[in-house]
Amino acid sequence: MVVLSTEGVVTNSNAIDMVWLWGAKAFPFSASREKELWKQENRILHLLIDGIDPLFTKLVEEGKHFCIYGSVNISWIKEFNDKLKKIKSAGIQLEAIYVGYRNQSKDVGNILDISIEENSSISLSTTKMKLFWLRLESINNSVGRLEQTAQCSSSLQQVLRLLDACETSNDWMIIGKGSPSDVIILKRRKVQECLNLLPELDENVVKLGLFGAIRCAMGSPLPVKSCYDDEIIPSEEGLTEETVFCSRCKRPVEKFVVYQCNVTESAEQ
């Protein structure tokens, strides 16, 4: 899909990825608009799953913790589902959705049968799995056109980590919740390490939230540099009793109440 300006100049040699990822919001579909959208993007899960299945949208809107995982290894998936049952038995709410793997073969049908039989993961149809991987491919293509990705936003850095996990590992998992940009991306043995720890973290989950409990248990290193990042969120989103973590440095943040005047009309008559 080639995009031309009103003067007939090519402004984007291939805008189909922009259409797939952002729809009409990407207008006028120029390369400069693509860079602008990536600077603004802070909803990783939404970007990843939008338009694939109403179930995804429902989980995001309800603010539930869920994980998306992929693997070609049937024994690994069986072990994953066994650990997921233990996690749910411990009272930790975590929905899991299997999305297959790149270049799917007939084996994916056997894996789906296992998930349905064990009733621990949510199963997508093979068509919707292909849509997921096509969307991931569009993200990869779009990011590949950007320059200086090392200086990009923290959200885009998370996207790069996800792409790396999917490209370099057959076994990976991403955990997210609702619309915040914060996600946890794990691959290979780190997935099993996380799943082994979760059933023992029920008290910490109540205190720190699922993300905080996982990061503390797995000993995720915190940045040494000072961080003064802030984020203003609507009052209804700030009512959560969970510990909130900074999207940039991942440390626990302090909560403050901010009263903001939004009057736009002049007070003088």
Protein backbone atom coordinates (compact mmCIF):
# COMPACT_ATOMS: atom_id res chain seq x y z
CA MET A 1 0.00 0.00 0.00
CA VAL A 2 1.86 3.07 -1.30
CA VAL A 3 0.82 6.48 0.05
CA LEU A 4 1.15 9.65 -2.04
CA SER A 5 0.94 13.26 -0.93
CA THR A 6 -1.41 15.73 -2.62
CA GLU A 7 1.58 16.66 -4.80
CA GLY A 8 2.02 13.05 -5.89
CA VAL A 9 5.14 12.46 -3.79
CA VAL A 10 5.56 9.04 -2.14
CA THR A 11 5.30 9.57 1.64
CA ASN A 12 5.21 5.89 2.59
CA SER A 13 6.16 2.96 0.39
CA ASN A 14 4.26 0.45 2.52
CA ALA A 15 1.57 1.71 4.90
CA ILE A 16 -0.37 -1.55 5.29
CA ASP A 17 1.22 -2.20 8.69
CA MET A 18 0.02 1.20 9.94
CA VAL A 19 -3.51 0.45 8.77
CA TRP A 20 -3.46 -2.93 10.49
CA LEU A 21 -2.10 -1.55 13.78
CA TRP A 22 -3.79 1.84 14.14
CA GLY A 23 -6.52 2.06 11.53
CA ALA A 24 -7.82 5.54 10.70
CA LYS A 25 -5.76 6.99 13.57
CA ALA A 26 -2.68 6.52 11.37
CA PHE A 27 -3.91 9.03 8.74
CA PRO A 28 -2.24 10.43 6.62
CA PHE A 29 -0.17 7.21 6.82
CA SER A 30 3.14 8.96 6.26
CA ALA A 31 6.49 7.81 7.64
CA SER A 32 6.55 10.82 9.96
CA ARG A 33 3.10 9.90 11.30
CA GLU A 34 4.35 6.36 11.96
CA LYS A 35 7.18 7.71 14.13
CA GLU A 36 4.74 9.99 15.94
CA LEU A 37 2.39 7.09 16.72
CA TRP A 38 5.21 5.05 18.23
CA LYS A 39 6.18 7.96 20.47
CA GLN A 40 2.59 8.16 21.70
CA GLU A 41 1.99 4.41 22.04
CA ASN A 42 1.66 3.25 25.65
CA ARG A 43 -0.84 0.37 25.44
CA ILE A 44 1.25 -2.66 24.63
CA LEU A 45 -1.43 -5.29 25.15
CA HIS A 46 -3.99 -3.33 23.15
CA LEU A 47 -1.51 -2.92 20.30
CA LEU A 48 -0.76 -6.62 20.37
CA ILE A 49 -4.27 -8.09 20.51
CA ASP A 50 -6.68 -5.44 19.19
CA GLY A 51 -9.22 -6.82 16.73
CA ILE A 52 -8.26 -10.49 17.15
CA ASP A 53 -10.90 -11.76 19.59
CA PRO A 54 -13.58 -10.06 21.76
CA LEU A 55 -12.27 -12.10 24.69
CA PHE A 56 -9.00 -10.16 24.63
CA THR A 57 -10.89 -6.87 24.67
CA LYS A 58 -13.04 -8.02 27.58
CA LEU A 59 -10.03 -9.03 29.69
CA VAL A 60 -8.37 -5.67 29.07
CA GLU A 61 -11.52 -3.66 29.81
CA GLU A 62 -12.16 -5.60 33.04
CA GLY A 63 -8.59 -4.99 34.19
CA LYS A 64 -7.86 -8.68 34.75
CA HIS A 65 -4.39 -10.17 34.90
CA PHE A 66 -3.78 -12.51 32.00
CA CYS A 67 -0.88 -14.03 30.17
CA ILE A 68 -0.33 -14.80 26.52
CA TYR A 69 2.06 -17.64 25.83
CA GLY A 70 3.49 -19.47 22.87
CA SER A 71 5.40 -22.70 22.37
CA VAL A 72 5.84 -25.58 19.94
CA ASN A 73 6.83 -28.02 22.71
CA ILE A 74 3.88 -30.21 23.77
CA SER A 75 5.54 -31.46 26.98
CA TRP A 76 6.41 -27.87 27.95
CA ILE A 77 2.79 -26.82 27.40
CA LYS A 78 1.50 -29.71 29.51
CA GLU A 79 3.82 -28.64 32.32
CA PHE A 80 2.72 -25.03 31.85
CA ASN A 81 -0.94 -25.99 32.25
CA ASP A 82 -0.21 -28.14 35.32
CA LYS A 83 1.51 -25.20 37.00
CA LEU A 84 -1.34 -22.90 35.98
CA LYS A 85 -3.80 -25.14 37.82
CA LYS A 86 -1.70 -24.86 40.99
CA ILE A 87 -1.61 -21.08 40.62
CA LYS A 88 -5.39 -20.88 40.38
CA SER A 89 -5.79 -23.32 43.29
CA ALA A 90 -3.72 -20.90 45.39
CA GLY A 91 -6.35 -18.23 44.75
CA ILE A 92 -4.33 -16.19 42.25
CA GLN A 93 -6.45 -15.05 39.33
CA LEU A 94 -4.49 -15.37 36.10
CA GLU A 95 -6.11 -16.23 32.78
CA ALA A 96 -3.83 -17.83 30.18
CA ILE A 97 -4.25 -17.72 26.41
CA TYR A 98 -2.28 -19.93 24.05
CA VAL A 99 -1.44 -18.27 20.72
CA GLY A 100 0.51 -21.04 19.03
CA TYR A 101 3.80 -20.31 17.31
CA ARG A 102 5.17 -18.85 14.11
CA ASN A 103 4.79 -21.06 11.02
CA GLN A 104 2.19 -23.31 12.60
CA SER A 105 1.93 -26.96 11.58
CA LYS A 106 -0.65 -29.68 12.21
CA ASP A 107 0.84 -30.14 15.71
CA VAL A 108 -0.97 -27.01 16.85
CA GLY A 109 -4.24 -28.97 16.69
CA ASN A 110 -2.87 -31.52 19.16
CA ILE A 111 -1.80 -28.72 21.49
CA LEU A 112 -5.26 -27.15 21.32
CA ASP A 113 -6.81 -30.49 22.23
CA ILE A 114 -4.58 -30.63 25.31
CA SER A 115 -5.60 -27.13 26.40
CA ILE A 116 -9.29 -27.91 25.95
CA GLU A 117 -8.99 -31.23 27.78
CA GLU A 118 -7.13 -29.71 30.74
CA ASN A 119 -9.44 -26.67 30.82
CA SER A 120 -6.70 -24.43 32.22
CA SER A 121 -5.94 -22.20 29.24
CA ILE A 122 -8.22 -20.26 26.94
CA SER A 123 -7.96 -21.56 23.38
CA LEU A 124 -8.17 -19.53 20.20
CA SER A 125 -9.02 -20.93 16.80
CA THR A 126 -6.11 -21.54 14.45
CA THR A 127 -7.37 -18.65 12.29
CA LYS A 128 -7.20 -16.23 15.22
CA MET A 129 -3.76 -17.53 16.12
CA LYS A 130 -2.61 -16.67 12.60
CA LEU A 131 -4.09 -13.18 13.04
CA PHE A 132 -2.03 -12.75 16.20
CA TRP A 133 1.19 -13.65 14.41
CA LEU A 134 0.31 -11.46 11.42
CA ARG A 135 -0.21 -8.58 13.82
CA LEU A 136 3.11 -9.31 15.49
CA GLU A 137 4.74 -9.33 12.04
CA SER A 138 3.22 -5.89 11.31
CA ILE A 139 4.62 -4.60 14.61
CA ASN A 140 8.03 -6.00 13.68
CA ASN A 141 7.90 -4.40 10.21
CA SER A 142 6.82 -1.04 11.60
CA VAL A 143 9.46 -1.00 14.35
CA GLY A 144 12.07 -2.00 11.78
CA ARG A 145 11.42 1.23 9.88
CA LEU A 146 12.15 3.37 12.93
CA GLU A 147 15.54 4.93 13.51
CA GLN A 148 17.37 5.13 16.84
CA THR A 149 15.12 2.64 18.65
CA ALA A 150 17.58 2.71 21.55
CA GLN A 151 16.25 6.18 22.42
CA CYS A 152 12.58 5.26 22.11
CA SER A 153 9.89 5.24 24.80
CA SER A 154 9.78 2.65 27.57
CA SER A 155 6.66 1.16 25.95
CA LEU A 156 8.46 0.61 22.67
CA GLN A 157 11.37 -0.92 24.54
CA GLN A 158 8.88 -3.45 25.93
CA VAL A 159 7.67 -4.17 22.40
CA LEU A 160 11.26 -4.77 21.29
CA ARG A 161 11.75 -7.22 24.17
CA LEU A 162 8.58 -9.06 23.16
CA LEU A 163 9.70 -9.31 19.54
CA ASP A 164 13.07 -10.62 20.71
CA ALA A 165 11.39 -13.25 22.90
CA CYS A 166 9.23 -14.48 20.03
CA GLU A 167 12.16 -14.52 17.59
CA THR A 168 14.78 -16.16 19.81
CA SER A 169 12.74 -18.58 21.92
CA ASN A 170 10.14 -21.26 21.27
CA ASP A 171 8.80 -20.89 24.83
CA TRP A 172 7.73 -17.44 26.00
CA MET A 173 5.09 -15.64 28.05
CA ILE A 174 3.86 -12.07 28.48
CA ILE A 175 1.81 -11.07 31.55
CA GLY A 176 -0.28 -7.91 31.52
CA LYS A 177 -3.30 -6.25 33.04
CA GLY A 178 -5.83 -3.91 31.49
CA SER A 179 -4.58 -0.84 29.66
CA PRO A 180 -1.36 0.12 31.55
CA SER A 181 1.87 -0.11 29.56
CA ASP A 182 3.62 -2.23 32.19
CA VAL A 183 4.04 -5.88 31.22
CA ILE A 184 6.30 -8.74 32.24
CA ILE A 185 7.98 -10.63 29.40
CA LEU A 186 9.69 -13.95 30.09
CA LYS A 187 11.22 -16.67 27.96
CA ARG A 188 12.72 -20.13 28.30
CA ARG A 189 13.53 -21.16 31.90
CA LYS A 190 12.35 -17.82 33.32
CA VAL A 191 8.77 -18.79 32.44
CA GLN A 192 8.96 -21.97 34.52
CA GLU A 193 10.77 -20.15 37.32
CA CYS A 194 7.95 -17.61 37.50
CA LEU A 195 5.21 -20.25 37.42
CA ASN A 196 6.94 -22.25 40.17
CA LEU A 197 7.05 -19.19 42.44
CA LEU A 198 3.50 -17.92 41.95
CA PRO A 199 1.58 -20.43 44.13
CA GLU A 200 3.73 -19.35 47.11
CA LEU A 201 3.16 -15.64 46.57
CA ASP A 202 -0.51 -15.29 47.53
CA GLU A 203 0.20 -12.96 50.49
CA ASN A 204 2.63 -10.81 48.51
CA VAL A 205 0.15 -10.61 45.64
CA VAL A 206 -2.40 -9.05 48.01
CA LYS A 207 0.18 -6.57 49.29
CA LEU A 208 2.22 -5.75 46.20
CA GLY A 209 -0.03 -6.80 43.36
CA LEU A 210 0.83 -9.58 40.93
CA PHE A 211 3.55 -7.65 39.08
CA GLY A 212 5.23 -6.48 42.28
CA ALA A 213 5.15 -9.94 43.82
CA ILE A 214 6.68 -11.53 40.72
CA ARG A 215 9.45 -8.94 40.44
CA CYS A 216 10.34 -9.17 44.13
CA ALA A 217 10.35 -12.98 44.09
CA MET A 218 12.46 -13.23 40.96
CA GLY A 219 14.91 -10.63 42.22
CA SER A 220 14.55 -8.29 39.26
CA PRO A 221 17.32 -5.68 39.65
CA LEU A 222 16.20 -2.10 40.13
CA PRO A 223 17.96 0.72 38.28
CA VAL A 224 20.67 2.54 40.22
CA LYS A 225 19.89 5.96 38.76
CA SER A 226 17.36 8.28 40.35
CA CYS A 227 13.95 8.48 38.70
CA TYR A 228 11.49 11.36 38.90
CA ASP A 229 8.93 10.10 36.43
CA ASP A 230 5.28 10.82 37.15
CA GLU A 231 1.94 9.86 35.68
CA ILE A 232 -1.47 11.44 36.24
CA ILE A 233 -4.36 8.99 36.03
CA PRO A 234 -8.14 9.45 36.50
CA SER A 235 -9.33 9.09 40.10
CA GLU A 236 -11.29 5.89 39.44
CA GLU A 237 -8.13 4.18 38.14
CA GLY A 238 -6.15 5.36 41.15
CA LEU A 239 -8.44 3.70 43.70
CA THR A 240 -6.62 0.36 43.49
CA GLU A 241 -5.17 -0.89 46.76
CA GLU A 242 -2.33 -2.66 44.99
CA THR A 243 1.16 -1.21 45.08
CA VAL A 244 1.74 0.71 41.85
CA PHE A 245 5.11 0.53 40.12
CA CYS A 246 6.81 3.15 37.96
CA SER A 247 6.53 2.30 34.27
CA ARG A 248 10.09 3.56 33.71
CA CYS A 249 12.23 2.24 36.60
CA LYS A 250 9.82 -0.41 38.04
CA ARG A 251 10.17 0.85 41.63
CA PRO A 252 7.09 1.25 43.88
CA VAL A 253 5.70 4.79 43.55
CA GLU A 254 4.14 7.15 46.07
CA LYS A 255 0.56 8.25 45.52
CA PHE A 256 -0.49 11.89 45.59
CA VAL A 257 -3.85 13.55 45.03
CA VAL A 258 -3.86 16.18 42.28
CA TYR A 259 -6.74 18.59 41.76
CA GLN A 260 -6.79 19.84 38.20
CA CYS A 261 -8.92 22.69 36.91
CA ASN A 262 -10.23 22.07 33.40
CA VAL A 263 -12.16 25.30 32.86
CA THR A 264 -11.46 26.58 29.37
CA GLU A 265 -13.79 29.58 29.18
CA SER A 266 -12.60 32.98 30.30
CA ALA A 267 -13.70 33.96 33.82
CA GLU A 268 -14.08 37.55 32.71
CA GLN A 269 -17.32 38.56 31.02
